[in-house]
């Protein structure tokens, strides 16, 4: 008998922190429609869920934009329109900016969670 594998769960792999935040917000928002929490108001719970979704999507979109920029610069190096040294400097600066944005986003998300819970 032939075995058929369907990799549905492979698409839901959580490889980055912003995907975790996005999934957490989505699951929380969906569950908030069916269950009533104790100790926290529904508005606070949904605000947390929506904020988590927004932060996750924002960082995911920024990551794709940064990846496209890096790919463009690599293409310029291959076309000999940009030296490897200049490309390396630009990619290093892009990496620093990316990590700075990630740190700021995580801190903002954690601070919001702390204010929403307390």
Protein backbone atom coordinates (compact mmCIF):
# COMPACT_ATOMS: atom_id res chain seq x y z
CA UNK A 1 0.00 0.00 0.00
CA UNK A 2 1.29 3.47 -0.86
CA UNK A 3 1.84 5.84 2.02
CA UNK A 4 0.86 9.46 1.52
CA UNK A 5 2.49 12.10 3.70
CA UNK A 6 0.83 15.45 4.08
CA UNK A 7 3.09 18.03 5.71
CA UNK A 8 0.42 20.31 7.12
CA UNK A 9 2.20 20.84 10.40
CA UNK A 10 5.51 21.66 8.68
CA UNK A 11 3.99 24.98 7.60
CA UNK A 12 3.26 25.85 11.22
CA UNK A 13 6.84 25.44 12.42
CA UNK A 14 7.78 28.19 14.85
CA UNK A 15 11.30 29.15 13.88
CA UNK A 16 11.38 32.77 15.03
CA UNK A 17 10.21 34.64 18.09
CA UNK A 18 7.88 36.87 16.09
CA UNK A 19 6.08 33.85 14.66
CA UNK A 20 5.57 32.57 18.20
CA UNK A 21 4.11 35.94 19.20
CA UNK A 22 1.89 35.93 16.10
CA UNK A 23 0.59 32.41 16.78
CA UNK A 24 0.12 33.16 20.48
CA UNK A 25 -1.91 36.26 19.66
CA UNK A 26 -4.00 34.42 17.07
CA UNK A 27 -4.78 31.49 19.35
CA UNK A 28 -5.56 33.83 22.24
CA UNK A 29 -7.89 35.91 20.10
CA UNK A 30 -9.74 32.85 18.80
CA UNK A 31 -10.06 31.33 22.27
CA UNK A 32 -11.31 34.65 23.67
CA UNK A 33 -14.44 34.30 21.53
CA UNK A 34 -15.35 30.97 23.17
CA UNK A 35 -14.06 31.14 26.74
CA UNK A 36 -14.30 33.81 29.41
CA UNK A 37 -11.09 34.25 31.41
CA UNK A 38 -10.92 34.81 35.13
CA UNK A 39 -8.75 37.54 36.59
CA UNK A 40 -8.50 39.59 33.40
CA UNK A 41 -11.12 41.49 31.45
CA UNK A 42 -12.07 40.50 27.94
CA UNK A 43 -10.89 43.87 26.59
CA UNK A 44 -7.43 43.40 28.10
CA UNK A 45 -7.16 39.87 26.73
CA UNK A 46 -8.21 40.91 23.23
CA UNK A 47 -5.92 43.95 23.35
CA UNK A 48 -3.04 41.61 24.21
CA UNK A 49 -3.99 39.28 21.34
CA UNK A 50 -4.32 42.05 18.77
CA UNK A 51 -1.10 43.73 19.93
CA UNK A 52 0.71 40.39 19.64
CA UNK A 53 -0.61 39.84 16.14
CA UNK A 54 0.40 43.36 15.06
CA UNK A 55 3.93 43.03 16.48
CA UNK A 56 4.40 39.58 14.93
CA UNK A 57 3.19 40.68 11.50
CA UNK A 58 5.19 43.92 11.59
CA UNK A 59 8.46 42.16 12.37
CA UNK A 60 7.73 39.40 9.84
CA UNK A 61 7.11 41.98 7.10
CA UNK A 62 10.25 43.91 8.07
CA UNK A 63 12.29 40.71 7.95
CA UNK A 64 11.10 40.06 4.40
CA UNK A 65 11.95 43.63 3.39
CA UNK A 66 15.44 43.33 4.89
CA UNK A 67 15.95 39.99 3.14
CA UNK A 68 14.97 41.58 -0.19
CA UNK A 69 17.40 44.46 0.38
CA UNK A 70 20.23 42.04 1.19
CA UNK A 71 19.39 39.96 -1.87
CA UNK A 72 19.41 43.10 -4.04
CA UNK A 73 22.85 44.08 -2.73
CA UNK A 74 24.14 40.57 -3.43
CA UNK A 75 22.81 40.92 -6.96
CA UNK A 76 24.71 44.19 -7.35
CA UNK A 77 27.90 42.42 -6.27
CA UNK A 78 27.29 39.66 -8.82
CA UNK A 79 26.72 42.28 -11.54
CA UNK A 80 29.97 43.97 -10.46
CA UNK A 81 28.17 47.24 -9.75
CA UNK A 82 29.07 47.09 -6.05
CA UNK A 83 32.32 45.93 -4.49
CA UNK A 84 32.31 43.07 -2.03
CA UNK A 85 33.74 45.33 0.65
CA UNK A 86 30.91 47.86 0.27
CA UNK A 87 28.34 45.08 0.24
CA UNK A 88 29.82 43.56 3.39
CA UNK A 89 29.68 46.94 5.15
CA UNK A 90 26.08 47.46 4.10
CA UNK A 91 25.05 43.95 5.12
CA UNK A 92 26.73 44.38 8.50
CA UNK A 93 24.88 47.66 9.06
CA UNK A 94 21.63 46.02 7.94
CA UNK A 95 22.18 43.16 10.40
CA UNK A 96 22.78 45.60 13.26
CA UNK A 97 19.63 47.54 12.38
CA UNK A 98 17.66 44.28 12.19
CA UNK A 99 18.81 43.16 15.64
CA UNK A 100 18.15 46.62 17.11
CA UNK A 101 14.58 46.54 15.73
CA UNK A 102 14.09 43.03 17.14
CA UNK A 103 15.27 44.06 20.59
CA UNK A 104 13.03 47.14 20.61
CA UNK A 105 10.04 45.09 19.45
CA UNK A 106 10.57 42.39 22.09
CA UNK A 107 10.94 44.98 24.84
CA UNK A 108 7.79 46.82 23.70
CA UNK A 109 5.83 43.56 23.54
CA UNK A 110 6.99 42.43 27.00
CA UNK A 111 6.24 45.84 28.53
CA UNK A 112 2.75 45.75 27.01
CA UNK A 113 2.19 42.24 28.39
CA UNK A 114 3.26 43.37 31.85
CA UNK A 115 0.90 46.36 31.74
CA UNK A 116 -1.95 44.23 30.42
CA UNK A 117 -1.55 41.62 33.15
CA UNK A 118 -1.03 43.95 36.11
